[in-house]
N, C-alpha and C. Protein backbone atom coordinates (compact mmCIF):
# COMPACT_ATOMS: atom_id res chain seq x y z
N MET A 1 57.35 35.65 14.17
CA MET A 1 56.26 35.19 15.02
C MET A 1 54.98 35.93 14.67
N ASP A 2 53.90 35.18 14.63
CA ASP A 2 52.58 35.77 14.43
C ASP A 2 51.96 36.04 15.80
N ASP A 3 51.07 37.01 15.86
CA ASP A 3 50.34 37.23 17.09
C ASP A 3 48.96 37.79 16.78
N CYS A 4 48.08 37.66 17.76
CA CYS A 4 46.75 38.24 17.65
C CYS A 4 46.19 38.46 19.04
N TRP A 5 45.18 39.31 19.10
CA TRP A 5 44.45 39.60 20.34
C TRP A 5 42.99 39.21 20.14
N ILE A 6 42.45 38.43 21.10
CA ILE A 6 41.03 38.07 21.04
C ILE A 6 40.36 38.41 22.38
N LYS A 7 39.07 38.60 22.32
CA LYS A 7 38.30 38.86 23.53
C LYS A 7 37.86 37.54 24.15
N THR A 8 38.00 37.41 25.47
CA THR A 8 37.50 36.25 26.20
C THR A 8 36.65 36.77 27.36
N PRO A 9 35.93 35.90 28.03
CA PRO A 9 35.15 36.35 29.20
C PRO A 9 36.02 36.89 30.34
N LEU A 10 37.34 36.63 30.28
CA LEU A 10 38.24 37.05 31.36
C LEU A 10 39.16 38.19 30.99
N GLY A 11 39.00 38.73 29.80
CA GLY A 11 39.87 39.80 29.35
C GLY A 11 40.34 39.53 27.94
N HIS A 12 41.34 40.26 27.51
CA HIS A 12 41.88 40.08 26.17
C HIS A 12 43.05 39.12 26.20
N ALA A 13 42.98 38.09 25.37
CA ALA A 13 44.05 37.10 25.29
C ALA A 13 44.98 37.47 24.15
N HIS A 14 46.27 37.42 24.43
CA HIS A 14 47.30 37.66 23.43
C HIS A 14 47.92 36.31 23.08
N ILE A 15 47.82 35.93 21.82
CA ILE A 15 48.31 34.63 21.35
C ILE A 15 49.50 34.87 20.44
N VAL A 16 50.58 34.12 20.68
CA VAL A 16 51.80 34.26 19.89
C VAL A 16 52.25 32.86 19.45
N GLY A 17 52.63 32.74 18.18
CA GLY A 17 53.13 31.47 17.68
C GLY A 17 53.42 31.54 16.20
N ASP A 18 53.78 30.40 15.65
CA ASP A 18 54.06 30.31 14.22
C ASP A 18 53.85 28.86 13.79
N ILE A 19 54.38 28.48 12.64
CA ILE A 19 54.15 27.12 12.14
C ILE A 19 54.75 26.05 13.04
N ASP A 20 55.69 26.45 13.92
CA ASP A 20 56.29 25.51 14.85
C ASP A 20 55.43 25.28 16.09
N GLY A 21 54.40 26.08 16.28
CA GLY A 21 53.49 25.90 17.40
C GLY A 21 53.20 27.19 18.14
N ILE A 22 52.32 27.07 19.12
CA ILE A 22 51.92 28.21 19.94
C ILE A 22 52.99 28.38 21.03
N SER A 23 53.55 29.58 21.12
CA SER A 23 54.60 29.80 22.12
C SER A 23 54.08 30.49 23.38
N SER A 24 53.01 31.28 23.26
CA SER A 24 52.45 31.87 24.47
C SER A 24 51.00 32.30 24.26
N VAL A 25 50.26 32.21 25.34
CA VAL A 25 48.91 32.75 25.43
C VAL A 25 48.85 33.43 26.79
N SER A 26 48.57 34.72 26.79
CA SER A 26 48.51 35.46 28.05
C SER A 26 47.22 36.26 28.10
N ILE A 27 46.82 36.61 29.31
CA ILE A 27 45.57 37.33 29.50
C ILE A 27 45.86 38.72 30.06
N HIS A 28 45.12 39.70 29.55
CA HIS A 28 45.32 41.09 29.95
C HIS A 28 43.97 41.77 30.12
N ASP A 29 43.96 42.80 30.92
CA ASP A 29 42.75 43.60 31.09
C ASP A 29 42.56 44.56 29.93
N TYR A 30 43.55 44.65 29.08
CA TYR A 30 43.54 45.62 27.99
C TYR A 30 44.29 45.05 26.80
N SER A 31 44.17 45.69 25.68
CA SER A 31 45.03 45.44 24.53
C SER A 31 45.02 46.71 23.69
N SER A 32 46.00 46.82 22.84
CA SER A 32 46.00 47.99 21.98
C SER A 32 44.80 47.95 21.04
N GLU A 33 44.49 46.77 20.57
CA GLU A 33 43.36 46.62 19.65
C GLU A 33 43.11 45.13 19.43
N LEU A 34 41.86 44.72 19.42
CA LEU A 34 41.54 43.33 19.11
C LEU A 34 41.83 43.09 17.64
N SER A 35 42.27 41.88 17.33
CA SER A 35 42.63 41.55 15.95
C SER A 35 41.40 41.39 15.09
N THR A 36 41.46 41.92 13.89
CA THR A 36 40.37 41.74 12.93
C THR A 36 40.66 40.56 12.02
N GLU A 37 41.93 40.22 11.87
CA GLU A 37 42.32 39.04 11.09
C GLU A 37 43.21 38.17 11.96
N ILE A 38 42.98 36.87 11.89
CA ILE A 38 43.76 35.91 12.67
C ILE A 38 44.74 35.21 11.72
N PRO A 39 46.04 35.25 12.04
CA PRO A 39 47.01 34.53 11.19
C PRO A 39 46.68 33.04 11.15
N GLU A 40 46.89 32.43 10.01
CA GLU A 40 46.57 31.01 9.84
C GLU A 40 47.24 30.14 10.90
N SER A 41 48.47 30.48 11.29
CA SER A 41 49.20 29.68 12.27
C SER A 41 48.55 29.70 13.66
N LEU A 42 47.66 30.67 13.90
CA LEU A 42 47.02 30.81 15.21
C LEU A 42 45.53 30.45 15.19
N LEU A 43 45.01 30.15 14.01
CA LEU A 43 43.58 29.93 13.85
C LEU A 43 43.05 28.77 14.70
N ASP A 44 43.76 27.64 14.73
CA ASP A 44 43.31 26.51 15.55
C ASP A 44 43.26 26.89 17.03
N CYS A 45 44.25 27.65 17.48
CA CYS A 45 44.28 28.07 18.88
C CYS A 45 43.08 28.96 19.20
N VAL A 46 42.80 29.93 18.36
CA VAL A 46 41.66 30.82 18.58
C VAL A 46 40.37 30.03 18.59
N THR A 47 40.21 29.12 17.63
CA THR A 47 39.00 28.30 17.54
C THR A 47 38.82 27.45 18.80
N GLN A 48 39.90 26.83 19.26
CA GLN A 48 39.81 25.97 20.44
C GLN A 48 39.56 26.78 21.72
N LEU A 49 40.18 27.94 21.84
CA LEU A 49 39.91 28.78 23.01
C LEU A 49 38.44 29.21 23.06
N LYS A 50 37.88 29.59 21.92
CA LYS A 50 36.47 29.97 21.88
C LYS A 50 35.58 28.78 22.26
N ALA A 51 35.92 27.60 21.76
CA ALA A 51 35.15 26.40 22.10
C ALA A 51 35.24 26.10 23.61
N TYR A 52 36.43 26.27 24.19
CA TYR A 52 36.62 26.08 25.63
C TYR A 52 35.70 27.01 26.41
N PHE A 53 35.71 28.29 26.05
CA PHE A 53 34.89 29.26 26.79
C PHE A 53 33.40 29.04 26.57
N ASN A 54 33.02 28.40 25.47
CA ASN A 54 31.62 28.06 25.21
C ASN A 54 31.24 26.70 25.78
N SER A 55 32.12 26.12 26.59
CA SER A 55 31.92 24.80 27.22
C SER A 55 31.77 23.67 26.20
N ASN A 56 32.40 23.83 25.03
CA ASN A 56 32.36 22.80 24.00
C ASN A 56 33.70 22.09 23.82
N LEU A 57 34.66 22.37 24.69
CA LEU A 57 35.99 21.76 24.58
C LEU A 57 36.56 21.57 25.97
N LYS A 58 37.03 20.36 26.24
CA LYS A 58 37.62 20.07 27.54
C LYS A 58 39.11 19.78 27.46
N SER A 59 39.61 19.55 26.27
CA SER A 59 41.03 19.22 26.10
C SER A 59 41.53 19.85 24.81
N PHE A 60 42.63 20.58 24.91
CA PHE A 60 43.20 21.24 23.75
C PHE A 60 44.06 20.27 22.95
N ASP A 61 44.03 20.42 21.64
CA ASP A 61 44.85 19.61 20.74
C ASP A 61 45.59 20.57 19.81
N LEU A 62 46.69 21.11 20.31
CA LEU A 62 47.45 22.11 19.58
C LEU A 62 48.93 21.76 19.59
N LYS A 63 49.62 22.18 18.57
CA LYS A 63 51.06 22.07 18.54
C LYS A 63 51.61 23.21 19.40
N LEU A 64 52.38 22.86 20.44
CA LEU A 64 52.88 23.86 21.36
C LEU A 64 54.39 24.00 21.21
N ASN A 65 54.87 25.21 21.43
CA ASN A 65 56.30 25.49 21.30
C ASN A 65 56.72 26.57 22.31
N PRO A 66 56.51 26.28 23.63
CA PRO A 66 56.87 27.29 24.63
C PRO A 66 58.38 27.30 24.88
N GLU A 67 58.88 28.46 25.28
CA GLU A 67 60.28 28.55 25.69
C GLU A 67 60.37 28.33 27.18
N GLY A 68 61.34 27.51 27.60
CA GLY A 68 61.54 27.25 29.02
C GLY A 68 62.66 26.25 29.21
N THR A 69 63.03 26.05 30.47
CA THR A 69 64.06 25.08 30.79
C THR A 69 63.49 23.67 30.64
N SER A 70 64.35 22.68 30.64
CA SER A 70 63.86 21.29 30.54
C SER A 70 62.99 20.95 31.75
N PHE A 71 63.34 21.45 32.95
CA PHE A 71 62.52 21.19 34.12
C PHE A 71 61.15 21.85 33.99
N GLN A 72 61.13 23.11 33.55
CA GLN A 72 59.85 23.79 33.36
C GLN A 72 58.97 23.03 32.37
N LYS A 73 59.55 22.59 31.27
CA LYS A 73 58.77 21.86 30.27
C LYS A 73 58.24 20.55 30.84
N LYS A 74 59.01 19.90 31.71
CA LYS A 74 58.56 18.67 32.36
C LYS A 74 57.33 18.96 33.23
N VAL A 75 57.39 20.06 33.98
CA VAL A 75 56.25 20.45 34.83
C VAL A 75 55.05 20.79 33.95
N TRP A 76 55.27 21.54 32.87
CA TRP A 76 54.16 21.93 31.99
C TRP A 76 53.50 20.71 31.35
N ARG A 77 54.30 19.70 30.98
CA ARG A 77 53.72 18.45 30.43
C ARG A 77 52.85 17.77 31.49
N ALA A 78 53.30 17.79 32.75
CA ALA A 78 52.50 17.20 33.83
C ALA A 78 51.20 17.97 34.03
N LEU A 79 51.25 19.30 33.89
CA LEU A 79 50.03 20.11 34.02
C LEU A 79 49.01 19.72 32.95
N GLU A 80 49.50 19.43 31.75
CA GLU A 80 48.59 19.06 30.66
C GLU A 80 47.83 17.77 30.95
N ARG A 81 48.36 16.95 31.85
CA ARG A 81 47.71 15.68 32.18
C ARG A 81 46.66 15.81 33.29
N ILE A 82 46.52 16.99 33.88
CA ILE A 82 45.49 17.18 34.91
C ILE A 82 44.15 17.29 34.19
N PRO A 83 43.24 16.35 34.45
CA PRO A 83 41.97 16.34 33.72
C PRO A 83 41.12 17.58 33.97
N TYR A 84 40.39 17.95 32.96
CA TYR A 84 39.39 19.03 33.02
C TYR A 84 38.48 18.78 34.22
N GLY A 85 38.21 19.83 34.97
CA GLY A 85 37.27 19.72 36.08
C GLY A 85 37.88 19.17 37.36
N THR A 86 39.19 18.92 37.38
CA THR A 86 39.84 18.42 38.59
C THR A 86 40.99 19.36 38.95
N SER A 87 41.52 19.16 40.14
CA SER A 87 42.66 19.96 40.56
C SER A 87 43.61 19.08 41.37
N LEU A 88 44.84 19.53 41.45
CA LEU A 88 45.89 18.89 42.23
C LEU A 88 46.54 19.94 43.11
N SER A 89 47.15 19.48 44.20
CA SER A 89 47.95 20.41 45.00
C SER A 89 49.37 20.44 44.43
N TYR A 90 50.11 21.46 44.81
CA TYR A 90 51.51 21.54 44.39
C TYR A 90 52.28 20.32 44.90
N LEU A 91 51.96 19.86 46.12
CA LEU A 91 52.62 18.68 46.68
C LEU A 91 52.30 17.44 45.85
N GLN A 92 51.04 17.24 45.49
CA GLN A 92 50.66 16.10 44.66
C GLN A 92 51.40 16.14 43.32
N LEU A 93 51.49 17.31 42.73
CA LEU A 93 52.19 17.46 41.45
C LEU A 93 53.67 17.14 41.61
N SER A 94 54.27 17.60 42.71
CA SER A 94 55.69 17.30 42.98
C SER A 94 55.90 15.80 43.12
N LYS A 95 54.99 15.14 43.81
CA LYS A 95 55.08 13.68 43.97
C LYS A 95 54.95 12.97 42.63
N GLN A 96 54.02 13.42 41.79
CA GLN A 96 53.86 12.83 40.46
C GLN A 96 55.15 12.95 39.65
N LEU A 97 55.86 14.05 39.85
CA LEU A 97 57.10 14.29 39.12
C LEU A 97 58.28 13.57 39.77
N GLY A 98 58.04 12.86 40.87
CA GLY A 98 59.07 12.03 41.49
C GLY A 98 59.90 12.68 42.57
N ASP A 99 59.56 13.88 43.01
CA ASP A 99 60.34 14.54 44.05
C ASP A 99 59.46 15.45 44.89
N PRO A 100 58.89 14.90 45.99
CA PRO A 100 58.01 15.71 46.82
C PRO A 100 58.71 16.92 47.46
N LYS A 101 60.03 16.90 47.52
CA LYS A 101 60.77 18.03 48.10
C LYS A 101 60.93 19.18 47.10
N ALA A 102 60.58 18.94 45.85
CA ALA A 102 60.74 19.97 44.81
C ALA A 102 59.52 20.87 44.69
N ILE A 103 58.74 20.94 45.74
CA ILE A 103 57.47 21.67 45.68
C ILE A 103 57.66 23.13 45.27
N ARG A 104 58.69 23.79 45.79
CA ARG A 104 58.92 25.20 45.43
C ARG A 104 59.34 25.34 43.98
N ALA A 105 60.18 24.45 43.51
CA ALA A 105 60.62 24.49 42.11
C ALA A 105 59.44 24.22 41.18
N VAL A 106 58.58 23.30 41.57
CA VAL A 106 57.38 22.98 40.77
C VAL A 106 56.45 24.19 40.75
N ALA A 107 56.27 24.82 41.91
CA ALA A 107 55.41 26.00 41.97
C ALA A 107 55.98 27.14 41.13
N ASN A 108 57.29 27.29 41.15
CA ASN A 108 57.93 28.33 40.36
C ASN A 108 57.75 28.06 38.85
N ALA A 109 57.95 26.81 38.44
CA ALA A 109 57.76 26.45 37.02
C ALA A 109 56.30 26.65 36.62
N ASN A 110 55.39 26.30 37.51
CA ASN A 110 53.96 26.49 37.26
C ASN A 110 53.67 27.98 37.01
N GLY A 111 54.29 28.84 37.80
CA GLY A 111 54.08 30.27 37.68
C GLY A 111 54.68 30.87 36.41
N LYS A 112 55.60 30.16 35.79
CA LYS A 112 56.24 30.65 34.57
C LYS A 112 55.59 30.08 33.30
N ASN A 113 54.51 29.34 33.47
CA ASN A 113 53.80 28.75 32.33
C ASN A 113 53.36 29.84 31.35
N PRO A 114 53.84 29.78 30.11
CA PRO A 114 53.49 30.82 29.14
C PRO A 114 52.20 30.54 28.35
N LEU A 115 51.55 29.42 28.65
CA LEU A 115 50.40 29.01 27.82
C LEU A 115 49.12 28.96 28.65
N TRP A 116 48.63 30.16 28.99
CA TRP A 116 47.43 30.32 29.80
C TRP A 116 46.30 29.43 29.28
N ILE A 117 45.63 28.75 30.16
CA ILE A 117 44.50 27.85 29.94
C ILE A 117 44.91 26.58 29.19
N ILE A 118 45.66 26.69 28.10
CA ILE A 118 46.02 25.53 27.29
C ILE A 118 46.85 24.55 28.12
N VAL A 119 47.83 25.06 28.86
CA VAL A 119 48.54 24.27 29.87
C VAL A 119 47.93 24.72 31.20
N PRO A 120 47.04 23.90 31.76
CA PRO A 120 46.12 24.36 32.81
C PRO A 120 46.74 24.51 34.21
N CYS A 121 47.58 25.51 34.37
CA CYS A 121 48.18 25.78 35.68
C CYS A 121 47.14 26.23 36.70
N HIS A 122 45.98 26.67 36.21
CA HIS A 122 44.91 27.09 37.13
C HIS A 122 44.36 25.91 37.93
N ARG A 123 44.65 24.69 37.50
CA ARG A 123 44.15 23.50 38.19
C ARG A 123 45.02 23.08 39.37
N VAL A 124 46.06 23.85 39.67
CA VAL A 124 46.93 23.54 40.80
C VAL A 124 46.60 24.48 41.94
N ILE A 125 46.33 23.89 43.10
CA ILE A 125 45.89 24.65 44.27
C ILE A 125 46.76 24.29 45.47
N GLY A 126 46.56 25.00 46.56
CA GLY A 126 47.29 24.70 47.79
C GLY A 126 46.83 23.39 48.39
N SER A 127 47.68 22.78 49.22
CA SER A 127 47.35 21.49 49.86
C SER A 127 46.10 21.58 50.71
N ASP A 128 45.81 22.78 51.23
CA ASP A 128 44.62 22.96 52.05
C ASP A 128 43.38 23.32 51.23
N GLY A 129 43.52 23.26 49.89
CA GLY A 129 42.40 23.57 49.01
C GLY A 129 42.28 25.05 48.66
N SER A 130 43.20 25.86 49.18
CA SER A 130 43.12 27.29 48.91
C SER A 130 43.63 27.62 47.52
N LEU A 131 43.10 28.70 46.98
CA LEU A 131 43.63 29.22 45.73
C LEU A 131 44.92 29.93 46.06
N THR A 132 45.97 29.54 45.38
CA THR A 132 47.24 30.19 45.63
C THR A 132 47.58 31.02 44.41
N GLY A 133 48.70 31.68 44.43
CA GLY A 133 49.08 32.60 43.37
C GLY A 133 48.74 32.16 41.96
N TYR A 134 48.36 33.11 41.14
CA TYR A 134 48.02 32.85 39.75
C TYR A 134 48.36 34.10 38.96
N ALA A 135 49.19 33.94 37.94
CA ALA A 135 49.67 35.10 37.18
C ALA A 135 48.52 35.94 36.63
N GLY A 136 47.41 35.30 36.26
CA GLY A 136 46.27 36.02 35.71
C GLY A 136 45.37 36.64 36.76
N GLY A 137 45.69 36.43 38.04
CA GLY A 137 44.87 36.94 39.13
C GLY A 137 43.97 35.84 39.69
N LEU A 138 43.81 35.85 41.01
CA LEU A 138 43.02 34.80 41.66
C LEU A 138 41.57 34.82 41.22
N HIS A 139 41.02 35.98 40.85
CA HIS A 139 39.63 36.04 40.38
C HIS A 139 39.48 35.24 39.08
N ARG A 140 40.49 35.27 38.23
CA ARG A 140 40.44 34.49 36.99
C ARG A 140 40.60 32.99 37.27
N LYS A 141 41.47 32.66 38.21
CA LYS A 141 41.65 31.26 38.57
C LYS A 141 40.34 30.68 39.10
N GLN A 142 39.68 31.42 39.98
CA GLN A 142 38.40 30.97 40.52
C GLN A 142 37.37 30.81 39.41
N TRP A 143 37.32 31.76 38.48
CA TRP A 143 36.39 31.70 37.36
C TRP A 143 36.64 30.44 36.54
N LEU A 144 37.90 30.16 36.24
CA LEU A 144 38.24 28.98 35.42
C LEU A 144 37.87 27.69 36.13
N LEU A 145 38.15 27.59 37.41
CA LEU A 145 37.79 26.38 38.17
C LEU A 145 36.27 26.22 38.21
N ASN A 146 35.54 27.31 38.39
CA ASN A 146 34.07 27.25 38.37
C ASN A 146 33.56 26.85 36.99
N HIS A 147 34.17 27.40 35.96
CA HIS A 147 33.79 27.10 34.57
C HIS A 147 33.92 25.61 34.29
N GLU A 148 34.97 25.00 34.84
CA GLU A 148 35.24 23.59 34.59
C GLU A 148 34.50 22.65 35.54
N SER A 149 33.85 23.20 36.54
CA SER A 149 33.15 22.38 37.53
C SER A 149 31.95 21.71 36.90
N GLU A 150 31.83 20.41 37.10
CA GLU A 150 30.68 19.65 36.57
C GLU A 150 29.39 20.09 37.24
N ALA A 151 29.49 20.49 38.50
CA ALA A 151 28.31 20.89 39.26
C ALA A 151 28.19 22.40 39.25
N LYS A 152 27.95 22.95 38.08
CA LYS A 152 27.81 24.40 37.98
C LYS A 152 26.61 24.87 38.81
N GLN A 153 26.81 25.95 39.53
CA GLN A 153 25.75 26.50 40.37
C GLN A 153 24.61 26.99 39.48
N GLN A 154 23.43 26.53 39.77
CA GLN A 154 22.24 26.96 39.03
C GLN A 154 21.61 28.15 39.75
N SER A 155 21.15 29.09 39.00
CA SER A 155 20.45 30.23 39.60
C SER A 155 18.96 29.92 39.66
N LEU A 156 18.34 30.30 40.74
CA LEU A 156 16.90 30.09 40.88
C LEU A 156 16.11 31.22 40.24
N PHE A 157 16.73 32.32 39.94
CA PHE A 157 16.03 33.48 39.41
C PHE A 157 16.56 33.88 38.07
């Protein structure tokens, strides 16, 4: 497996993958060292993440290869279909997957998503509109939702 560390506005992202696809992208407040060379197998991912953070990309087009159960992968595929700039509740996502009673299982699979930002678990919120748990921290979830908002707050000063 190849890996690299890159700087993002939200911390250091650790990207892991190989020719079979990207297996994980995680965010950290630290890293041992940012990568000076990016492995070829991760170059598209790094390029697309930078474009996303520069507001030049709304949808990722990467070969993905995450490890997970078949149910988790089903939930992660559903997450990929949530459009940029929108959000769903866990209940809405459960209904889309055909079982509104599976809300806890869906939330658990969402929380195990190994592909930060690329599989947009940050777009899932509570039924009351509240920000609910997020592995990267609620401050990052709020930042990502604001970043994707079409009506970005303009500063007067």
